[in-house]
C-alpha atoms as a PDB file:
ATOM      1  CA  MET A   1       0.000   0.000   0.000  1.00  0.00           C
ATOM      2  CA  GLY A   2       1.540   3.318  -0.973  1.00  0.00           C
ATOM      3  CA  ILE A   3       1.520   6.181   1.516  1.00  0.00           C
ATOM      4  CA  ARG A   4       0.582   9.772   0.813  1.00  0.00           C
ATOM      5  CA  VAL A   5       0.825  12.225   3.704  1.00  0.00           C
ATOM      6  CA  THR A   6      -1.530  15.191   3.772  1.00  0.00           C
ATOM      7  CA  GLY A   7      -1.438  18.301   5.951  1.00  0.00           C
ATOM      8  CA  LEU A   8      -4.645  17.467   7.863  1.00  0.00           C
ATOM      9  CA  ILE A   9      -4.536  17.594  11.655  1.00  0.00           C
ATOM     10  CA  ALA A  10      -6.741  15.268  13.751  1.00  0.00           C
ATOM     11  CA  VAL A  11      -7.325  14.989  17.449  1.00  0.00           C
ATOM     12  CA  ALA A  12      -7.119  11.510  18.938  1.00  0.00           C
ATOM     13  CA  THR A  13      -7.889  10.719  22.537  1.00  0.00           C
ATOM     14  CA  VAL A  14      -6.337   7.437  23.623  1.00  0.00           C
ATOM     15  CA  ILE A  15      -7.061   6.080  27.056  1.00  0.00           C
ATOM     16  CA  CYS A  16      -3.971   4.418  28.556  1.00  0.00           C
ATOM     17  CA  ALA A  17      -1.885   4.926  25.376  1.00  0.00           C
ATOM     18  CA  LEU A  18       0.958   7.450  25.161  1.00  0.00           C
ATOM     19  CA  GLY A  19       3.007   8.854  22.295  1.00  0.00           C
ATOM     20  CA  THR A  20       0.379   8.409  19.555  1.00  0.00           C
ATOM     21  CA  GLY A  21       1.541   9.589  16.115  1.00  0.00           C
ATOM     22  CA  VAL A  22      -1.122  10.927  13.734  1.00  0.00           C
ATOM     23  CA  TYR A  23      -0.666  11.504  10.016  1.00  0.00           C
ATOM     24  CA  MET A  24      -2.757  11.088   6.874  1.00  0.00           C
ATOM     25  CA  GLN A  25      -2.738   8.608   4.049  1.00  0.00           C
ATOM     26  CA  ARG A  26      -5.013   7.658   1.014  1.00  0.00           C
ATOM     27  CA  THR A  27      -7.074   4.482   0.333  1.00  0.00           C
ATOM     28  CA  ALA A  28     -10.667   2.964  -0.065  1.00  0.00           C
ATOM     29  CA  ASP A  29     -13.904   1.436   1.455  1.00  0.00           C
ATOM     30  CA  LEU A  30     -16.332  -1.248   3.084  1.00  0.00           C
ATOM     31  CA  GLN A  31     -19.893  -3.090   2.585  1.00  0.00           C
ATOM     32  CA  ARG A  32     -23.135  -5.972   3.115  1.00  0.00           C
ATOM     33  CA  ALA A  33     -27.512  -6.862   4.071  1.00  0.00           C
ATOM     34  CA  PRO A  34     -30.148  -7.479   6.878  1.00  0.00           C
ATOM     35  CA  SER A  35     -32.343 -10.281   8.200  1.00  0.00           C
ATOM     36  CA  ALA A  36     -35.723 -11.728   9.256  1.00  0.00           C
ATOM     37  CA  GLN A  37     -37.148 -13.643  12.180  1.00  0.00           C
ATOM     38  CA  GLN A  38     -39.240 -16.741  12.852  1.00  0.00           C
ATOM     39  CA  ALA A  39     -40.794 -18.170  15.989  1.00  0.00           C
ATOM     40  CA  SER A  40     -41.035 -21.798  17.099  1.00  0.00           C
ATOM     41  CA  ALA A  41     -44.281 -23.803  17.231  1.00  0.00           C
ATOM     42  CA  PRO A  42     -46.410 -23.811  20.468  1.00  0.00           C
ATOM     43  CA  LEU A  43     -46.312 -26.747  22.889  1.00  0.00           C
ATOM     44  CA  PRO A  44     -49.078 -29.321  22.374  1.00  0.00           C
ATOM     45  CA  THR A  45     -51.840 -29.001  24.988  1.00  0.00           C
ATOM     46  CA  GLU A  46     -52.863 -31.904  27.258  1.00  0.00           C
ATOM     47  CA  PRO A  47     -56.281 -33.546  26.565  1.00  0.00           C
ATOM     48  CA  GLU A  48     -58.951 -32.928  29.223  1.00  0.00           C
ATOM     49  CA  THR A  49     -59.854 -35.864  31.492  1.00  0.00           C
ATOM     50  CA  GLY A  50     -63.407 -36.380  32.845  1.00  0.00           C
ATOM     51  CA  LYS A  51     -64.653 -38.547  35.783  1.00  0.00           C
ATOM     52  CA  LEU A  52     -66.083 -42.017  35.226  1.00  0.00           C
ATOM     53  CA  VAL A  53     -69.144 -42.784  37.434  1.00  0.00           C
ATOM     54  CA  LEU A  54     -69.922 -46.455  38.092  1.00  0.00           C
ATOM     55  CA  GLN A  55     -73.519 -47.424  39.006  1.00  0.00           C
ATOM     56  CA  ASP A  56     -76.047 -50.247  38.619  1.00  0.00           C
ATOM     57  CA  LEU A  57     -73.310 -52.876  38.306  1.00  0.00           C
ATOM     58  CA  THR A  58     -74.314 -56.499  37.617  1.00  0.00           C
ATOM     59  CA  PHE A  59     -71.854 -59.364  38.142  1.00  0.00           C
ATOM     60  CA  THR A  60     -71.902 -62.209  35.604  1.00  0.00           C
ATOM     61  CA  SER A  61     -69.768 -65.262  35.024  1.00  0.00           C
ATOM     62  CA  ALA A  62     -68.579 -63.972  31.669  1.00  0.00           C
ATOM     63  CA  ARG A  63     -64.805 -63.382  31.453  1.00  0.00           C
ATOM     64  CA  PRO A  64     -63.643 -60.013  30.257  1.00  0.00           C
ATOM     65  CA  ASP A  65     -62.261 -59.777  26.724  1.00  0.00           C
ATOM     66  CA  THR A  66     -58.540 -59.368  27.403  1.00  0.00           C
ATOM     67  CA  HIS A  67     -57.751 -59.145  23.671  1.00  0.00           C
ATOM     68  CA  ARG A  68     -59.777 -56.034  23.014  1.00  0.00           C
ATOM     69  CA  GLN A  69     -57.670 -53.417  21.175  1.00  0.00           C
ATOM     70  CA  ARG A  70     -56.766 -50.174  22.927  1.00  0.00           C
ATOM     71  CA  GLN A  71     -57.469 -46.815  21.380  1.00  0.00           C
ATOM     72  CA  PRO A  72     -54.415 -45.601  19.399  1.00  0.00           C
ATOM     73  CA  LEU A  73     -52.404 -42.711  20.895  1.00  0.00           C
ATOM     74  CA  ARG A  74     -52.732 -39.413  19.057  1.00  0.00           C
ATOM     75  CA  ASP A  75     -49.814 -38.295  16.873  1.00  0.00           C
ATOM     76  CA  VAL A  76     -46.936 -36.516  18.671  1.00  0.00           C
ATOM     77  CA  ASP A  77     -46.126 -32.989  17.478  1.00  0.00           C
ATOM     78  CA  THR A  78     -42.495 -33.213  16.211  1.00  0.00           C
ATOM     79  CA  SER A  79     -42.151 -29.506  15.438  1.00  0.00           C
ATOM     80  CA  LEU A  80     -40.291 -28.889  18.719  1.00  0.00           C
ATOM     81  CA  LEU A  81     -37.637 -31.440  17.763  1.00  0.00           C
ATOM     82  CA  GLN A  82     -37.283 -29.896  14.313  1.00  0.00           C
ATOM     83  CA  CYS A  83     -36.739 -26.451  15.895  1.00  0.00           C
ATOM     84  CA  ALA A  84     -33.995 -27.502  18.312  1.00  0.00           C
ATOM     85  CA  SER A  85     -31.030 -25.075  18.306  1.00  0.00           C
ATOM     86  CA  THR A  86     -27.384 -26.149  18.770  1.00  0.00           C
ATOM     87  CA  LEU A  87     -24.027 -24.379  19.183  1.00  0.00           C
ATOM     88  CA  ASN A  88     -20.842 -26.413  18.680  1.00  0.00           C
ATOM     89  CA  LEU A  89     -17.211 -25.310  19.187  1.00  0.00           C
ATOM     90  CA  THR A  90     -14.019 -26.918  17.886  1.00  0.00           C
ATOM     91  CA  ALA A  91     -10.472 -25.781  18.712  1.00  0.00           C
ATOM     92  CA  ILE A  92      -8.478 -25.391  15.468  1.00  0.00           C
ATOM     93  CA  ASP A  93      -4.937 -24.247  14.537  1.00  0.00           C
ATOM     94  CA  ASN A  94      -3.413 -21.034  15.942  1.00  0.00           C
ATOM     95  CA  ALA A  95      -5.732 -20.983  18.959  1.00  0.00           C
ATOM     96  CA  MET A  96      -8.839 -20.252  16.883  1.00  0.00           C
ATOM     97  CA  LEU A  97     -12.366 -21.516  17.513  1.00  0.00           C
ATOM     98  CA  GLN A  98     -14.541 -23.053  14.795  1.00  0.00           C
ATOM     99  CA  VAL A  99     -18.134 -22.008  15.571  1.00  0.00           C
ATOM    100  CA  GLU A 100     -21.104 -23.948  14.150  1.00  0.00           C
ATOM    101  CA  LEU A 101     -24.623 -22.801  14.931  1.00  0.00           C
ATOM    102  CA  SER A 102     -27.860 -24.446  13.801  1.00  0.00           C
ATOM    103  CA  ALA A 103     -31.329 -22.997  14.524  1.00  0.00           C
ATOM    104  CA  PRO A 104     -33.765 -24.058  11.746  1.00  0.00           C
ATOM    105  CA  CYS A 105     -36.665 -22.001  13.131  1.00  0.00           C
ATOM    106  CA  ARG A 106     -34.621 -18.798  13.374  1.00  0.00           C
ATOM    107  CA  ALA A 107     -33.543 -18.465   9.723  1.00  0.00           C
ATOM    108  CA  GLY A 108     -32.139 -15.008   8.974  1.00  0.00           C
ATOM    109  CA  GLU A 109     -32.121 -13.931  12.639  1.00  0.00           C
ATOM    110  CA  ARG A 110     -29.414 -11.559  13.888  1.00  0.00           C
ATOM    111  CA  PHE A 111     -27.174 -12.753  16.746  1.00  0.00           C
ATOM    112  CA  THR A 112     -23.960 -11.751  18.525  1.00  0.00           C
ATOM    113  CA  LEU A 113     -21.170 -14.098  19.607  1.00  0.00           C
ATOM    114  CA  HIS A 114     -19.460 -13.293  22.942  1.00  0.00           C
ATOM    115  CA  HIS A 115     -16.051 -14.576  24.081  1.00  0.00           C
ATOM    116  CA  GLY A 116     -13.321 -13.095  26.263  1.00  0.00           C
ATOM    117  CA  GLY A 117     -14.774  -9.582  26.168  1.00  0.00           C
ATOM    118  CA  VAL A 118     -15.077  -9.628  22.355  1.00  0.00           C
ATOM    119  CA  MET A 119     -18.461  -9.404  20.587  1.00  0.00           C
ATOM    120  CA  VAL A 120     -19.075 -10.214  16.898  1.00  0.00           C
ATOM    121  CA  THR A 121     -22.441  -9.777  15.121  1.00  0.00           C
ATOM    122  CA  TYR A 122     -23.766 -12.004  12.309  1.00  0.00           C
ATOM    123  CA  ALA A 123     -27.098 -13.341  10.972  1.00  0.00           C
ATOM    124  CA  LEU A 124     -28.174 -16.946  10.356  1.00  0.00           C
ATOM    125  CA  ASP A 125     -28.551 -18.000   6.714  1.00  0.00           C
ATOM    126  CA  ALA A 126     -31.819 -19.033   4.999  1.00  0.00           C
ATOM    127  CA  GLU A 127     -31.594 -22.531   6.561  1.00  0.00           C
ATOM    128  CA  GLY A 128     -30.892 -21.180  10.040  1.00  0.00           C
ATOM    129  CA  ASP A 129     -27.183 -22.103   9.991  1.00  0.00           C
ATOM    130  CA  PHE A 130     -23.899 -20.289  10.654  1.00  0.00           C
ATOM    131  CA  ARG A 131     -20.260 -21.378  10.392  1.00  0.00           C
ATOM    132  CA  GLY A 132     -17.323 -19.110  11.240  1.00  0.00           C
ATOM    133  CA  VAL A 133     -14.312 -18.565  13.505  1.00  0.00           C
ATOM    134  CA  LEU A 134     -13.420 -16.621  16.648  1.00  0.00           C
ATOM    135  CA  PRO A 135     -10.040 -15.972  18.291  1.00  0.00           C
ATOM    136  CA  ALA A 136      -9.609 -17.826  21.598  1.00  0.00           C
ATOM    137  CA  PHE A 137      -8.489 -15.836  24.660  1.00  0.00           C
ATOM    138  CA  THR A 138      -8.709 -18.424  27.422  1.00  0.00           C
ATOM    139  CA  LYS A 139      -7.607 -22.048  27.678  1.00  0.00           C
ATOM    140  CA  ARG A 140     -11.173 -23.097  28.496  1.00  0.00           C
ATOM    141  CA  ALA A 141     -13.017 -21.045  25.890  1.00  0.00           C
ATOM    142  CA  VAL A 142     -16.703 -20.304  26.552  1.00  0.00           C
ATOM    143  CA  VAL A 143     -18.787 -18.804  23.711  1.00  0.00           C
ATOM    144  CA  ILE A 144     -22.329 -17.423  24.023  1.00  0.00           C
ATOM    145  CA  ALA A 145     -24.644 -16.845  21.043  1.00  0.00           C
ATOM    146  CA  ASP A 146     -26.929 -13.964  22.043  1.00  0.00           C
ATOM    147  CA  PHE A 147     -30.185 -13.704  20.034  1.00  0.00           C
ATOM    148  CA  ALA A 148     -32.393 -10.607  20.034  1.00  0.00           C
ATOM    149  CA  SER A 149     -35.415 -12.874  20.623  1.00  0.00           C
ATOM    150  CA  GLY A 150     -33.797 -14.442  23.706  1.00  0.00           C
ATOM    151  CA  ARG A 151     -33.109 -18.168  24.292  1.00  0.00           C
ATOM    152  CA  ASP A 152     -29.324 -17.746  24.125  1.00  0.00           C
ATOM    153  CA  LEU A 153     -26.993 -20.689  23.438  1.00  0.00           C
ATOM    154  CA  ASP A 154     -23.578 -21.434  24.935  1.00  0.00           C
ATOM    155  CA  ALA A 155     -20.764 -23.959  24.498  1.00  0.00           C
ATOM    156  CA  SER A 156     -17.172 -24.458  25.666  1.00  0.00           C
ATOM    157  CA  VAL A 157     -13.992 -26.192  24.470  1.00  0.00           C
ATOM    158  CA  MET A 158     -10.381 -26.590  25.658  1.00  0.00           C
ATOM    159  CA  VAL A 159      -7.735 -24.719  23.600  1.00  0.00           C
ATOM    160  CA  GLU A 160      -4.392 -26.491  23.941  1.00  0.00           C
ATOM    161  CA  ASP A 161      -2.165 -24.244  21.771  1.00  0.00           C
ATOM    162  CA  LEU A 162      -3.128 -20.844  23.242  1.00  0.00           C
ATOM    163  CA  GLU A 163       0.370 -20.266  24.658  1.00  0.00           C
ATOM    164  CA  GLN A 164       1.925 -20.694  21.213  1.00  0.00           C
ATOM    165  CA  VAL A 165       0.512 -17.454  19.735  1.00  0.00           C
ATOM    166  CA  GLU A 166       0.602 -13.696  20.315  1.00  0.00           C
ATOM    167  CA  ARG A 167      -2.679 -11.901  19.608  1.00  0.00           C
ATOM    168  CA  VAL A 168      -3.952  -8.324  19.189  1.00  0.00           C
ATOM    169  CA  VAL A 169      -7.657  -7.580  18.648  1.00  0.00           C
ATOM    170  CA  MET A 170      -9.426  -4.339  17.762  1.00  0.00           C
ATOM    171  CA  HIS A 171     -13.142  -4.331  18.550  1.00  0.00           C
ATOM    172  CA  TRP A 172     -15.744  -1.656  17.690  1.00  0.00           C
ATOM    173  CA  GLN A 173     -19.402  -1.147  16.776  1.00  0.00           C
ATOM    174  CA  GLY A 174     -20.809   0.263  13.523  1.00  0.00           C
ATOM    175  CA  ARG A 175     -18.984   1.646  10.470  1.00  0.00           C
ATOM    176  CA  SER A 176     -15.912   3.151  12.121  1.00  0.00           C
ATOM    177  CA  GLY A 177     -13.486   2.709   9.190  1.00  0.00           C
ATOM    178  CA  LEU A 178     -10.825   1.279  11.532  1.00  0.00           C
ATOM    179  CA  GLU A 179      -8.045  -1.056  10.378  1.00  0.00           C
ATOM    180  CA  LEU A 180      -5.304  -3.018  12.148  1.00  0.00           C
ATOM    181  CA  HIS A 181      -1.852  -3.220  10.479  1.00  0.00           C
ATOM    182  CA  ALA A 182       1.226  -5.275  11.457  1.00  0.00           C
ATOM    183  CA  LEU A 183       4.766  -4.683  10.157  1.00  0.00           C
ATOM    184  CA  GLU A 184       6.642  -7.905  10.886  1.00  0.00           C
ATOM    185  CA  PHE A 185      10.388  -8.129  11.563  1.00  0.00           C
ATOM    186  CA  GLY A 186      11.390  -4.837   9.903  1.00  0.00           C
ATOM    187  CA  ALA A 187       8.843  -4.863   7.039  1.00  0.00           C
ATOM    188  CA  THR A 188       7.600  -1.599   5.499  1.00  0.00           C
ATOM    189  CA  TYR A 189       4.174  -0.706   4.036  1.00  0.00           C
ATOM    190  CA  GLY A 190       3.416  -2.751   0.932  1.00  0.00           C
ATOM    191  CA  SER A 191       6.360  -5.147   1.378  1.00  0.00           C
ATOM    192  CA  ALA A 192       6.356  -8.801   2.445  1.00  0.00           C
ATOM    193  CA  GLY A 193       5.619  -8.814   6.163  1.00  0.00           C
ATOM    194  CA  HIS A 194       3.073  -5.982   5.990  1.00  0.00           C
ATOM    195  CA  VAL A 195      -0.065  -7.784   7.190  1.00  0.00           C
ATOM    196  CA  TRP A 196      -3.598  -6.329   7.289  1.00  0.00           C
ATOM    197  CA  LYS A 197      -7.119  -7.407   6.299  1.00  0.00           C
ATOM    198  CA  GLY A 198      -6.408  -6.649   2.633  1.00  0.00           C
ATOM    199  CA  SER A 199      -3.087  -8.490   2.355  1.00  0.00           C
ATOM    200  CA  GLU A 200      -2.697 -11.726   0.394  1.00  0.00           C
ATOM    201  CA  PRO A 201      -2.550 -15.055   2.307  1.00  0.00           C
ATOM    202  CA  GLY A 202       1.064 -15.861   3.108  1.00  0.00           C
ATOM    203  CA  GLN A 203       2.111 -12.190   2.895  1.00  0.00           C
ATOM    204  CA  GLY A 204       3.572 -12.500   6.393  1.00  0.00           C
ATOM    205  CA  ALA A 205       4.137 -14.870   9.289  1.00  0.00           C
ATOM    206  CA  GLY A 206       0.906 -13.753  10.968  1.00  0.00           C
ATOM    207  CA  GLU A 207      -2.594 -12.998   9.709  1.00  0.00           C
ATOM    208  CA  VAL A 208      -5.260 -10.311  10.203  1.00  0.00           C
ATOM    209  CA  LEU A 209      -8.877 -11.517  10.054  1.00  0.00           C
ATOM    210  CA  PHE A 210     -11.960  -9.289   9.763  1.00  0.00           C
ATOM    211  CA  LEU A 211     -14.923 -10.792  11.650  1.00  0.00           C
ATOM    212  CA  GLY A 212     -18.590  -9.769  11.735  1.00  0.00           C
ATOM    213  CA  ASP A 213     -21.244  -8.576   9.287  1.00  0.00           C
ATOM    214  CA  PRO A 214     -21.086  -4.772   8.872  1.00  0.00           C
ATOM    215  CA  ASP A 215     -24.521  -4.732   7.202  1.00  0.00           C
ATOM    216  CA  GLN A 216     -26.263  -5.805  10.424  1.00  0.00           C
ATOM    217  CA  VAL A 217     -27.800  -3.048  12.551  1.00  0.00           C
ATOM    218  CA  ALA A 218     -25.296  -1.680  15.120  1.00  0.00           C
ATOM    219  CA  ALA A 219     -22.988  -4.606  14.337  1.00  0.00           C
ATOM    220  CA  HIS A 220     -20.091  -5.489  16.653  1.00  0.00           C
ATOM    221  CA  LEU A 221     -17.024  -5.972  14.442  1.00  0.00           C
ATOM    222  CA  VAL A 222     -13.497  -7.265  15.049  1.00  0.00           C
ATOM    223  CA  GLN A 223     -10.089  -7.337  13.392  1.00  0.00           C
ATOM    224  CA  VAL A 224      -7.681  -9.820  14.960  1.00  0.00           C
ATOM    225  CA  TYR A 225      -3.947 -10.196  14.321  1.00  0.00           C
ATOM    226  CA  THR A 226      -2.519 -13.606  15.280  1.00  0.00           C
ATOM    227  CA  LEU A 227       1.203 -14.390  15.204  1.00  0.00           C
ATOM    228  CA  PRO A 228       2.534 -17.912  15.920  1.00  0.00           C
ATOM    229  CA  LYS A 229       5.536 -17.609  18.238  1.00  0.00           C
ATOM    230  CA  ALA A 230       7.434 -20.192  16.197  1.00  0.00           C
ATOM    231  CA  SER A 231       7.221 -18.100  13.003  1.00  0.00           C
ATOM    232  CA  GLY A 232      10.443 -16.104  13.487  1.00  0.00           C
ATOM    233  CA  TYR A 233      12.079 -13.663  15.857  1.00  0.00           C
ATOM    234  CA  GLY A 234      12.338  -9.910  16.155  1.00  0.00           C
ATOM    235  CA  ALA A 235       9.867  -7.038  16.603  1.00  0.00           C
ATOM    236  CA  VAL A 236       6.395  -6.662  15.097  1.00  0.00           C
ATOM    237  CA  ASN A 237       5.057  -3.094  15.027  1.00  0.00           C
ATOM    238  CA  ILE A 238       1.268  -2.689  15.259  1.00  0.00           C
ATOM    239  CA  SER A 239      -0.590   0.419  14.060  1.00  0.00           C
ATOM    240  CA  VAL A 240      -4.246   1.436  13.870  1.00  0.00           C
ATOM    241  CA  GLU A 241      -5.623   3.298  10.857  1.00  0.00           C
ATOM    242  CA  ALA A 242      -8.978   5.005  10.441  1.00  0.00           C
ATOM    243  CA  GLU A 243     -10.343   5.664   6.971  1.00  0.00           C
ATOM    244  CA  ILE A 244     -12.288   8.924   6.783  1.00  0.00           C
ATOM    245  CA  THR A 245     -15.650   8.092   5.167  1.00  0.00           C
ATOM    246  CA  ASP A 246     -19.101   9.657   4.767  1.00  0.00           C
ATOM    247  CA  ALA A 247     -20.242   7.385   7.608  1.00  0.00           C
ATOM    248  CA  ASN A 248     -17.672   8.509  10.206  1.00  0.00           C
ATOM    249  CA  CYS A 249     -16.443  11.999   9.179  1.00  0.00           C
ATOM    250  CA  ASP A 250     -16.753  14.753  11.790  1.00  0.00           C
ATOM    251  CA  GLN A 251     -17.655  12.193  14.493  1.00  0.00           C
ATOM    252  CA  ALA A 252     -16.032  10.537  17.515  1.00  0.00           C
ATOM    253  CA  VAL A 253     -15.205   6.854  16.949  1.00  0.00           C
ATOM    254  CA  ALA A 254     -14.752   4.491  19.910  1.00  0.00           C
ATOM    255  CA  ALA A 255     -12.919   1.159  19.872  1.00  0.00           C
ATOM    256  CA  GLN A 256     -11.227  -1.280  22.208  1.00  0.00           C
ATOM    257  CA  LEU A 257      -7.794  -2.864  21.883  1.00  0.00           C
ATOM    258  CA  ILE A 258      -7.296  -6.290  23.473  1.00  0.00           C
ATOM    259  CA  GLU A 259      -3.835  -7.865  23.612  1.00  0.00           C
ATOM    260  CA  ARG A 260      -2.953 -11.380  24.707  1.00  0.00           C
ATOM    261  CA  ARG A 261       0.754 -11.756  25.299  1.00  0.00           C
ATOM    262  CA  ASP A 262       2.765 -13.708  27.857  1.00  0.00           C
ATOM    263  CA  ASP A 263      -0.462 -15.464  28.895  1.00  0.00           C
ATOM    264  CA  ARG A 264      -2.076 -12.200  30.056  1.00  0.00           C
ATOM    265  CA  LEU A 265      -4.920 -10.085  28.679  1.00  0.00           C
ATOM    266  CA  ARG A 266      -4.622  -6.308  28.444  1.00  0.00           C
ATOM    267  CA  THR A 267      -7.576  -4.123  27.406  1.00  0.00           C
ATOM    268  CA  ARG A 268      -7.483  -0.414  26.501  1.00  0.00           C
ATOM    269  CA  ASP A 269     -10.118   1.988  25.204  1.00  0.00           C
ATOM    270  CA  LEU A 270      -9.536   4.251  22.217  1.00  0.00           C
ATOM    271  CA  VAL A 271     -11.522   7.328  21.147  1.00  0.00           C
ATOM    272  CA  LEU A 272     -10.770   9.141  17.858  1.00  0.00           C
ATOM    273  CA  ASN A 273     -12.179  12.479  16.750  1.00  0.00           C
ATOM    274  CA  ILE A 274     -12.467  12.018  12.969  1.00  0.00           C
ATOM    275  CA  PRO A 275     -11.815  15.170  10.843  1.00  0.00           C
ATOM    276  CA  ASP A 276     -14.607  16.870   8.909  1.00  0.00           C
ATOM    277  CA  CYS A 277     -16.049  15.480   5.677  1.00  0.00           C
ATOM    278  CA  SER A 278     -13.725  17.479   3.408  1.00  0.00           C
ATOM    279  CA  ALA A 279     -11.117  14.798   4.224  1.00  0.00           C
ATOM    280  CA  VAL A 280     -13.198  11.814   3.015  1.00  0.00           C
ATOM    281  CA  GLY A 281     -10.910   9.216   1.414  1.00  0.00           C
ATOM    282  CA  ASP A 282      -7.913   9.992   3.654  1.00  0.00           C
ATOM    283  CA  PHE A 283      -6.593   7.889   6.522  1.00  0.00           C
ATOM    284  CA  LEU A 284      -5.530   8.681  10.061  1.00  0.00           C
ATOM    285  CA  VAL A 285      -2.552   6.539  11.040  1.00  0.00           C
ATOM    286  CA  LEU A 286      -1.902   6.040  14.761  1.00  0.00           C
ATOM    287  CA  ASN A 287       1.389   4.505  15.813  1.00  0.00           C
ATOM    288  CA  ASN A 288       2.547   3.411  19.263  1.00  0.00           C
ATOM    289  CA  LEU A 289      -0.928   2.440  20.486  1.00  0.00           C
ATOM    290  CA  VAL A 290       0.241  -1.135  20.904  1.00  0.00           C
ATOM    291  CA  GLU A 291       3.676  -1.964  22.275  1.00  0.00           C
ATOM    292  CA  SER A 292       5.697  -3.846  19.656  1.00  0.00           C
ATOM    293  CA  LEU A 293       5.383  -7.613  19.849  1.00  0.00           C
ATOM    294  CA  LYS A 294       8.844  -9.067  20.486  1.00  0.00           C
ATOM    295  CA  ILE A 295       9.441 -12.675  19.511  1.00  0.00           C
ATOM    296  CA  ALA A 296      12.664 -14.134  20.942  1.00  0.00           C
ATOM    297  CA  SER A 297      14.790 -16.629  19.017  1.00  0.00           C
ATOM    298  CA  ASN A 298      14.615 -20.199  20.318  1.00  0.00           C
END
């Protein structure tokens, strides 16, 4: 990515972050579409039972007919079984979680996944299914699927390789225009080792994933940078960029930075005052928000 510095001045308020550099740079945009909702079938009601009154009984020597057929039971309503919802988690490479959600009677419904302080918003597909990934933050990872209609789901799984990665996450809500960039082991912008959501697979030792559906209402969105510790040694510099768009110009944008390094979580809040709309198309670049990741040689 080429850099073009402009003379625009922006004010950035960073909670718990010192020495933030701000300058401008050019680039492009973001997009996606909403959802519906369906309810499950009602429980079958119990049949009413009356009283049987015995009177005027006459005893005879006739034996009762023990082979008389019983009345057949009425059909069972299987709609509740068909509407059962499930959430399954699988631990996969680089301390990531494979999330599989099935809710046939909630097709198209919006939901938010919660784990380790991170929230990511999606919608179920037309069959009521979802398949995606989340970054793990704890060895015993618990994930909650929060539906607007209630009846939340949860699941947990053990993550065995969590100590083998370094991880930085940026989390925000709505169309903020934020981006996470990593310059690995002395890389410069646009070279091998410059990793961001738009870089090619294999561009660097680590990877930046964009998670969430920005077309959902008030969507919680995430960018996560994951670096395997065995991938090399040296420093990795992390920066945050904010594209100035029609959706965020002349507004305050809030985000949260979550770092997992040396088996500890660190969370910091970030507030940016985006310049006015005459600067649409430019970028704010903020350095030194995240301390450089340092990978030691083995």
